[in-house]
Protein backbone atom coordinates (compact mmCIF):
# COMPACT_ATOMS: atom_id res chain seq x y z
CA ASN A 1 83.62 114.59 163.61
CA ASN A 2 86.16 117.05 161.95
CA LYS A 3 89.10 115.11 162.93
CA PHE A 4 91.42 113.98 159.92
CA LEU A 5 94.33 111.38 160.03
CA LEU A 6 96.98 112.44 157.82
CA GLU A 7 99.57 109.89 158.28
CA ALA A 8 100.48 106.88 160.15
CA ASP A 9 104.40 106.06 159.99
CA TYR A 10 106.34 103.20 161.70
CA TRP A 11 109.89 104.01 162.57
CA SER A 12 111.98 100.99 163.47
CA ASP A 13 114.92 103.72 163.75
CA GLU A 14 117.40 100.96 162.69
CA ASN A 15 119.07 103.03 160.12
CA ASN A 16 118.64 106.35 161.79
CA SER A 17 119.86 106.58 165.21
CA ASN A 18 121.21 110.06 165.16
CA ASP A 19 119.72 113.04 167.24
CA MET A 20 117.25 115.31 165.89
CA ALA A 21 116.92 119.03 166.65
CA LEU A 22 113.95 120.57 167.96
CA HIS A 23 111.05 121.31 165.26
CA SER A 24 107.45 121.35 164.64
CA GLU A 25 106.52 118.37 162.75
CA SER A 26 105.72 119.24 158.98
CA SER A 27 105.67 122.95 159.63
CA PHE A 28 107.37 123.46 156.50
CA SER A 29 104.68 121.44 154.54
CA SER A 30 101.38 122.37 152.63
CA VAL A 31 99.60 120.56 155.39
CA TRP A 32 100.63 121.17 159.04
CA PRO A 33 99.09 118.75 161.59
CA GLU A 34 97.85 120.25 164.94
CA ILE A 35 98.54 116.78 166.92
CA VAL A 36 101.33 114.48 166.68
CA TRP A 37 100.99 110.93 168.66
CA PHE A 38 103.81 108.97 169.73
CA PHE A 39 103.54 105.20 170.87
CA CYS A 40 106.66 103.51 172.40
CA ASN A 41 106.84 99.66 171.21
CA LYS A 42 110.31 99.15 172.30
CA PRO A 43 112.65 101.98 174.11
CA SER A 44 116.39 102.01 173.55
CA LYS A 45 118.12 101.05 176.74
CA LYS A 46 120.44 104.13 176.20
CA GLY A 47 119.43 107.46 174.83
CA GLY A 48 116.78 107.91 172.33
CA GLU A 49 114.70 110.26 174.57
CA THR A 50 112.21 112.78 172.71
CA THR A 51 112.98 116.51 173.70
CA LEU A 52 110.30 118.77 174.19
CA CYS A 53 110.19 122.73 174.27
CA ASP A 54 106.99 124.62 174.78
CA GLY A 55 106.55 127.32 171.87
CA VAL A 56 104.61 129.48 174.28
CA GLU A 57 107.28 129.66 176.80
CA LEU A 58 110.07 130.06 174.14
CA TRP A 59 108.14 133.19 172.60
CA LYS A 60 108.09 134.85 176.17
CA ILE A 61 111.85 134.56 176.66
CA LEU A 62 112.99 135.63 173.20
CA PRO A 63 114.36 139.21 172.92
CA ALA A 64 112.03 141.81 171.38
CA LYS A 65 114.14 142.40 168.29
CA LEU A 66 113.50 138.69 167.47
CA LYS A 67 109.75 139.00 168.16
CA LEU A 68 109.41 141.96 165.87
CA TYR A 69 111.42 140.42 163.31
CA PHE A 70 109.24 137.29 163.09
CA LEU A 71 105.96 139.37 163.36
CA LYS A 72 106.69 141.40 160.23
CA GLN A 73 106.47 138.60 157.67
CA PRO A 74 106.20 135.02 157.38
CA ILE A 75 109.06 132.18 156.40
CA LYS A 76 109.23 131.11 153.11
CA TYR A 77 110.05 127.50 152.74
CA LEU A 78 110.90 126.23 149.14
CA ILE A 79 110.13 122.50 148.91
CA GLU A 80 110.88 119.87 146.37
CA ILE A 81 108.96 116.55 146.63
CA LYS A 82 109.64 113.52 144.52
CA LEU A 83 106.54 111.91 143.03
CA PRO A 84 105.89 108.38 141.98
CA LYS A 85 106.31 107.71 138.29
CA ILE A 86 102.88 106.98 136.62
CA LYS A 87 101.93 106.16 133.03
CA THR A 88 99.47 108.86 131.66
CA LYS A 89 98.45 109.66 128.23
CA LYS A 90 98.27 113.06 129.08
CA LYS A 91 100.60 115.78 128.03
CA ILE A 92 103.81 115.97 129.90
CA GLY A 93 104.90 119.17 131.49
CA MET A 94 104.16 121.57 134.10
CA GLN A 95 100.93 121.81 135.99
CA ASN A 96 100.04 124.19 138.91
CA TRP A 97 99.59 122.97 142.18
CA ILE A 98 95.85 123.19 143.26
CA THR A 99 95.17 123.84 146.89
CA ASN A 100 92.93 125.90 149.14
CA THR A 101 95.40 126.59 151.94
CA CYS A 102 96.52 130.20 151.78
CA GLY A 103 100.27 130.60 151.45
CA VAL A 104 100.93 127.54 149.50
CA SER A 105 101.71 127.78 145.77
CA GLY A 106 103.71 125.82 143.31
CA TYR A 107 103.80 123.39 140.35
CA VAL A 108 104.11 119.91 139.36
CA ASP A 109 106.70 118.87 136.90
CA LEU A 110 105.24 115.67 135.14
CA LYS A 111 108.67 115.16 133.32
CA ASP A 112 110.97 115.22 136.31
CA HIS A 113 108.23 113.71 138.49
CA LYS A 114 108.66 116.37 141.12
CA ALA A 115 106.21 119.06 142.94
CA HIS A 116 107.96 122.38 143.45
CA LEU A 117 106.10 124.34 146.48
CA GLU A 118 106.62 127.61 147.96
CA ILE A 119 105.02 127.77 151.54
CA LEU A 120 104.47 131.07 153.41
CA ARG A 121 104.04 130.66 156.99
CA TYR A 122 104.74 132.62 160.29
CA ALA A 123 107.02 131.25 162.57
CA ILE A 124 104.50 131.81 165.45
CA PHE A 125 101.00 130.28 166.08
CA LYS A 126 98.15 131.71 168.00
CA VAL A 127 97.33 129.06 170.47
CA LYS A 128 93.41 128.68 170.69
CA HIS A 129 92.09 129.66 174.29
CA LEU A 130 95.42 131.19 175.32
CA ASP A 131 96.11 134.86 175.02
CA SER A 132 99.67 134.04 173.58
CA TYR A 133 101.62 133.09 170.51
CA ALA A 134 103.77 129.82 170.44
CA PHE A 135 107.11 129.97 168.57
CA ALA A 136 106.71 126.57 166.37
CA ASN A 137 108.68 126.13 163.07
CA HIS A 138 111.47 124.23 161.20
CA LEU A 139 114.12 126.93 161.84
CA ILE A 140 116.46 125.27 164.00
CA ALA A 141 115.91 121.85 162.82
CA ASP A 142 118.73 119.57 160.99
CA ASN A 143 117.48 120.03 157.58
CA GLN A 144 119.89 117.26 156.45
CA ASN A 145 117.02 115.06 157.72
CA GLU A 146 114.57 116.92 155.73
CA LEU A 147 115.74 116.49 152.01
CA GLN A 148 112.74 118.09 150.53
CA ILE A 149 113.52 121.50 152.20
CA LYS A 150 115.70 123.23 149.47
CA ASN A 151 115.73 126.68 151.05
CA ILE A 152 114.57 128.63 154.15
CA SER A 153 114.41 132.50 154.16
CA MET A 154 111.92 135.21 155.06
CA ALA A 155 109.03 135.85 152.59
CA SER A 156 110.87 138.67 151.25
CA GLY A 157 113.81 136.34 150.27
CA GLU A 158 116.14 137.94 152.99
CA ALA A 159 118.14 135.52 154.77
CA ILE A 160 117.45 134.76 158.51
CA PRO A 161 120.53 136.10 160.43
CA GLU A 162 122.69 133.33 162.00
CA GLU A 163 122.76 135.38 165.17
CA TYR A 164 119.01 135.04 165.59
CA ILE A 165 119.15 131.32 164.78
CA LYS A 166 121.89 131.08 167.49
CA ILE A 167 119.64 133.00 170.12
CA ILE A 168 116.93 130.69 169.28
CA LYS A 169 118.76 127.66 170.18
CA GLU A 170 120.20 128.89 173.22
CA LYS A 171 116.86 130.12 174.61
CA SER A 172 115.08 126.91 173.73
CA PHE A 173 117.81 124.70 175.21
CA GLU A 174 117.17 126.51 178.33
CA ILE A 175 113.55 125.23 178.74
CA THR A 176 113.73 121.79 176.75
CA TYR A 177 112.84 118.92 178.82
CA GLU A 178 113.29 115.12 177.86
CA HIS A 179 110.65 112.24 177.80
CA ASN A 180 112.52 109.08 178.70
CA TRP A 181 110.53 106.10 176.97
CA LYS A 182 109.06 103.16 178.41
CA LYS A 183 107.31 100.44 176.65
CA ASN A 184 103.68 101.18 175.88
CA ASP A 185 104.12 104.83 176.68
CA ILE A 186 101.73 107.05 174.76
CA LEU A 187 102.63 110.86 174.08
CA MET A 188 100.37 113.50 172.75
CA ILE A 189 101.74 116.82 171.90
CA HIS A 190 100.07 119.94 170.48
CA ASN A 191 102.40 120.26 167.36
CA LYS A 192 101.77 123.93 166.75
CA ARG A 193 102.64 124.68 170.36
CA PHE A 194 105.36 122.47 171.06
CA MET A 195 108.61 121.50 169.25
CA HIS A 196 110.12 118.14 169.61
CA GLY A 197 113.35 116.50 168.91
CA ARG A 198 115.27 113.34 169.81
CA ASN A 199 118.48 112.38 171.66
CA GLY A 200 120.63 109.97 169.65
CA PHE A 201 121.03 106.48 170.43
CA PRO A 202 123.13 103.18 169.81
CA LYS A 203 122.58 101.60 166.30
CA ASN A 204 120.82 98.18 166.45
CA SER A 205 119.25 99.25 169.80
CA GLY A 206 115.72 98.02 168.39
CA ARG A 207 114.07 101.25 169.41
CA ASP A 208 110.37 101.15 167.80
CA LEU A 209 107.96 104.11 167.76
CA LEU A 210 104.75 104.56 166.10
CA THR A 211 103.67 108.08 165.11
CA MET A 212 100.60 109.45 163.82
CA GLN A 213 99.70 112.84 162.73
CA THR A 214 96.09 114.51 162.92
CA GLU A 215 95.10 117.43 161.33
CA ARG A 216 93.23 119.22 163.90
CA SER A 217 92.60 118.70 167.63
CA TYR A 218 88.75 119.39 167.93
CA GLY A 219 85.51 120.07 166.28
CA ASN A 220 84.14 123.23 164.74
CA ASP A 221 86.11 126.13 166.37
């Protein structure tokens, strides 16, 4: 049915109660899910709301100079992924990363057990059935929470101006809203349109969320 499950993660949040800035889930990775699902098993009594920002509306209110800047070339994410150690009789060394995904290249270092990837992906996404782009990416995320991201720049290697990052944060703040969790709530978001984040909450609150990612939202179009 052309719907592919990418990942199902259970987050107990016991050791990770800090807030998270807006981001599109895994927008820096070789596979970018279109749909992200959340199920609330137990909410926090205080804080822990999920923040949401519509990338279509954000794109509309960004200044023209930013739009032109991000239309000219894609973002370049440099990624380093730790791999499990496996016993093999094959020669240890470098192997090319094999993929059919455009904009993804890299290699695997079998000696260091790491994959080194370069991901080229535009900051915007053309939303199906809408005559509009959505600004959805990892530019304003807290990269200390994403240890596999080693660097973010434009495809040319040019550093993204801090002024632009500041403007994006300010404009997104204007239109961000919160989902206040209740037990058994289910939330489904279009991950290539909406960016999401999280408000911090007290440690040992018992906040439990189940998240699941799916590669595509519908059939053959």
